[in-house]
Amino acid sequence: MGEYLKPTLMQRKGMLVVPQVVRNELGLEHGSPVDWFKGNDGWTIRPAMSLDEALNHIGDALREKGISQEELMAELTKARGEVVNEQRKSKSKKSKKPKA
């Protein structure tokens, strides 16, 4: 079961004070970047990942699902083509509208 801490009040401009026990546990110091993640159970805060860490995390998740780099690149190319086609259709519809 989780641990409950007393509520934290939001300050001006949306600032929150992260309890000392949480800062210590997460290794957060003044100016530390944090990531916010919304999951099924609500919001999670964690120390921000560097780009390398994030890419490694994504790579690990893809490998767990059995998706190769080649498959990923093929899907990304396909998705990009679909986005470009939608943009072209949208642009074409706008240019065909009569001006008022």
C-alpha atoms as a PDB file:
ATOM      1  CA  MET A   1       0.000   0.000   0.000  1.00  0.00           C
ATOM      2  CA  GLY A   2       1.133   3.585  -0.648  1.00  0.00           C
ATOM      3  CA  GLU A   3       2.339   6.213   1.765  1.00  0.00           C
ATOM      4  CA  TYR A   4       0.195   9.277   2.482  1.00  0.00           C
ATOM      5  CA  LEU A   5       1.719  12.718   3.000  1.00  0.00           C
ATOM      6  CA  LYS A   6      -0.177  15.774   4.150  1.00  0.00           C
ATOM      7  CA  PRO A   7      -1.644  17.885   1.319  1.00  0.00           C
ATOM      8  CA  THR A   8       0.526  20.492  -0.384  1.00  0.00           C
ATOM      9  CA  LEU A   9      -0.908  23.925  -1.149  1.00  0.00           C
ATOM     10  CA  MET A  10      -0.463  25.449  -4.582  1.00  0.00           C
ATOM     11  CA  GLN A  11       1.392  28.761  -4.502  1.00  0.00           C
ATOM     12  CA  ARG A  12       1.120  31.686  -6.893  1.00  0.00           C
ATOM     13  CA  LYS A  13       1.757  30.913 -10.547  1.00  0.00           C
ATOM     14  CA  GLY A  14       0.966  27.232  -9.960  1.00  0.00           C
ATOM     15  CA  MET A  15       4.074  26.466  -7.904  1.00  0.00           C
ATOM     16  CA  LEU A  16       3.992  23.468  -5.579  1.00  0.00           C
ATOM     17  CA  VAL A  17       6.326  22.641  -2.728  1.00  0.00           C
ATOM     18  CA  VAL A  18       7.573  19.074  -3.117  1.00  0.00           C
ATOM     19  CA  PRO A  19       7.912  17.556   0.364  1.00  0.00           C
ATOM     20  CA  GLN A  20      11.519  17.039   1.510  1.00  0.00           C
ATOM     21  CA  VAL A  21      11.078  13.280   1.843  1.00  0.00           C
ATOM     22  CA  VAL A  22       9.959  13.098  -1.812  1.00  0.00           C
ATOM     23  CA  ARG A  23      12.788  15.377  -3.014  1.00  0.00           C
ATOM     24  CA  ASN A  24      15.319  13.214  -1.179  1.00  0.00           C
ATOM     25  CA  GLU A  25      13.877   9.976  -2.517  1.00  0.00           C
ATOM     26  CA  LEU A  26      13.803  11.266  -6.115  1.00  0.00           C
ATOM     27  CA  GLY A  27      17.166  13.018  -5.856  1.00  0.00           C
ATOM     28  CA  LEU A  28      15.650  16.401  -6.712  1.00  0.00           C
ATOM     29  CA  GLU A  29      17.479  19.638  -5.982  1.00  0.00           C
ATOM     30  CA  HIS A  30      16.745  23.284  -6.754  1.00  0.00           C
ATOM     31  CA  GLY A  31      16.400  23.586 -10.539  1.00  0.00           C
ATOM     32  CA  SER A  32      16.049  19.841 -11.172  1.00  0.00           C
ATOM     33  CA  PRO A  33      13.866  19.157 -14.215  1.00  0.00           C
ATOM     34  CA  VAL A  34      10.921  16.821 -13.673  1.00  0.00           C
ATOM     35  CA  ASP A  35       8.588  14.938 -16.018  1.00  0.00           C
ATOM     36  CA  TRP A  36       4.827  14.821 -15.518  1.00  0.00           C
ATOM     37  CA  PHE A  37       3.002  11.723 -16.745  1.00  0.00           C
ATOM     38  CA  LYS A  38      -0.757  11.157 -16.824  1.00  0.00           C
ATOM     39  CA  GLY A  39      -1.701   7.507 -16.425  1.00  0.00           C
ATOM     40  CA  ASN A  40      -4.882   5.624 -15.599  1.00  0.00           C
ATOM     41  CA  ASP A  41      -4.447   6.294 -11.869  1.00  0.00           C
ATOM     42  CA  GLY A  42      -3.718  10.025 -12.186  1.00  0.00           C
ATOM     43  CA  TRP A  43      -0.583  12.131 -12.508  1.00  0.00           C
ATOM     44  CA  THR A  44       2.951  11.010 -11.719  1.00  0.00           C
ATOM     45  CA  ILE A  45       6.009  13.214 -11.218  1.00  0.00           C
ATOM     46  CA  ARG A  46       9.519  11.857 -11.693  1.00  0.00           C
ATOM     47  CA  PRO A  47      12.998  13.175 -12.408  1.00  0.00           C
ATOM     48  CA  ALA A  48      13.227  14.158 -16.074  1.00  0.00           C
ATOM     49  CA  MET A  49      14.954  11.760 -18.439  1.00  0.00           C
ATOM     50  CA  SER A  50      17.723  12.876 -20.726  1.00  0.00           C
ATOM     51  CA  LEU A  51      17.173  12.327 -24.441  1.00  0.00           C
ATOM     52  CA  ASP A  52      19.479   9.288 -24.339  1.00  0.00           C
ATOM     53  CA  GLU A  53      17.563   7.784 -21.402  1.00  0.00           C
ATOM     54  CA  ALA A  54      14.225   8.403 -23.131  1.00  0.00           C
ATOM     55  CA  LEU A  55      15.409   6.825 -26.383  1.00  0.00           C
ATOM     56  CA  ASN A  56      16.801   3.811 -24.514  1.00  0.00           C
ATOM     57  CA  HIS A  57      13.488   3.468 -22.672  1.00  0.00           C
ATOM     58  CA  ILE A  58      11.572   3.547 -25.973  1.00  0.00           C
ATOM     59  CA  GLY A  59      13.993   1.053 -27.525  1.00  0.00           C
ATOM     60  CA  ASP A  60      13.571  -1.325 -24.586  1.00  0.00           C
ATOM     61  CA  ALA A  61       9.768  -1.110 -24.842  1.00  0.00           C
ATOM     62  CA  LEU A  62       9.873  -1.829 -28.588  1.00  0.00           C
ATOM     63  CA  ARG A  63      12.192  -4.808 -28.086  1.00  0.00           C
ATOM     64  CA  GLU A  64       9.850  -6.191 -25.398  1.00  0.00           C
ATOM     65  CA  LYS A  65       7.029  -6.042 -27.944  1.00  0.00           C
ATOM     66  CA  GLY A  66       9.183  -7.683 -30.614  1.00  0.00           C
ATOM     67  CA  ILE A  67       9.224  -4.637 -32.896  1.00  0.00           C
ATOM     68  CA  SER A  68      12.428  -4.202 -34.912  1.00  0.00           C
ATOM     69  CA  GLN A  69      13.977  -0.892 -35.901  1.00  0.00           C
ATOM     70  CA  GLU A  70      13.126  -1.652 -39.535  1.00  0.00           C
ATOM     71  CA  GLU A  71       9.449  -2.243 -38.678  1.00  0.00           C
ATOM     72  CA  LEU A  72       9.328   0.956 -36.668  1.00  0.00           C
ATOM     73  CA  MET A  73      10.868   2.988 -39.501  1.00  0.00           C
ATOM     74  CA  ALA A  74       8.411   1.483 -42.009  1.00  0.00           C
ATOM     75  CA  GLU A  75       5.447   2.393 -39.779  1.00  0.00           C
ATOM     76  CA  LEU A  76       6.777   5.918 -39.222  1.00  0.00           C
ATOM     77  CA  THR A  77       7.235   6.400 -42.983  1.00  0.00           C
ATOM     78  CA  LYS A  78       3.693   5.155 -43.607  1.00  0.00           C
ATOM     79  CA  ALA A  79       2.256   7.424 -40.891  1.00  0.00           C
ATOM     80  CA  ARG A  80       4.174  10.436 -42.226  1.00  0.00           C
ATOM     81  CA  GLY A  81       2.767   9.785 -45.700  1.00  0.00           C
ATOM     82  CA  GLU A  82      -0.761   9.653 -44.296  1.00  0.00           C
ATOM     83  CA  VAL A  83      -0.255  12.967 -42.451  1.00  0.00           C
ATOM     84  CA  VAL A  84       1.140  14.639 -45.592  1.00  0.00           C
ATOM     85  CA  ASN A  85      -1.813  13.367 -47.666  1.00  0.00           C
ATOM     86  CA  GLU A  86      -4.300  14.695 -45.100  1.00  0.00           C
ATOM     87  CA  GLN A  87      -2.566  18.073 -45.093  1.00  0.00           C
ATOM     88  CA  ARG A  88      -2.696  18.213 -48.883  1.00  0.00           C
ATOM     89  CA  LYS A  89      -6.410  17.350 -48.890  1.00  0.00           C
ATOM     90  CA  SER A  90      -7.118  20.003 -46.284  1.00  0.00           C
ATOM     91  CA  LYS A  91      -5.118  22.620 -48.182  1.00  0.00           C
ATOM     92  CA  SER A  92      -6.876  21.696 -51.435  1.00  0.00           C
ATOM     93  CA  LYS A  93     -10.345  22.058 -49.838  1.00  0.00           C
ATOM     94  CA  LYS A  94      -9.440  25.483 -48.435  1.00  0.00           C
ATOM     95  CA  SER A  95      -8.214  26.767 -51.804  1.00  0.00           C
ATOM     96  CA  LYS A  96     -11.422  25.628 -53.566  1.00  0.00           C
ATOM     97  CA  LYS A  97     -13.744  27.529 -51.190  1.00  0.00           C
ATOM     98  CA  PRO A  98     -15.267  30.619 -52.816  1.00  0.00           C
ATOM     99  CA  LYS A  99     -14.175  33.910 -51.319  1.00  0.00           C
ATOM    100  CA  ALA A 100     -16.888  36.029 -49.704  1.00  0.00           C
END
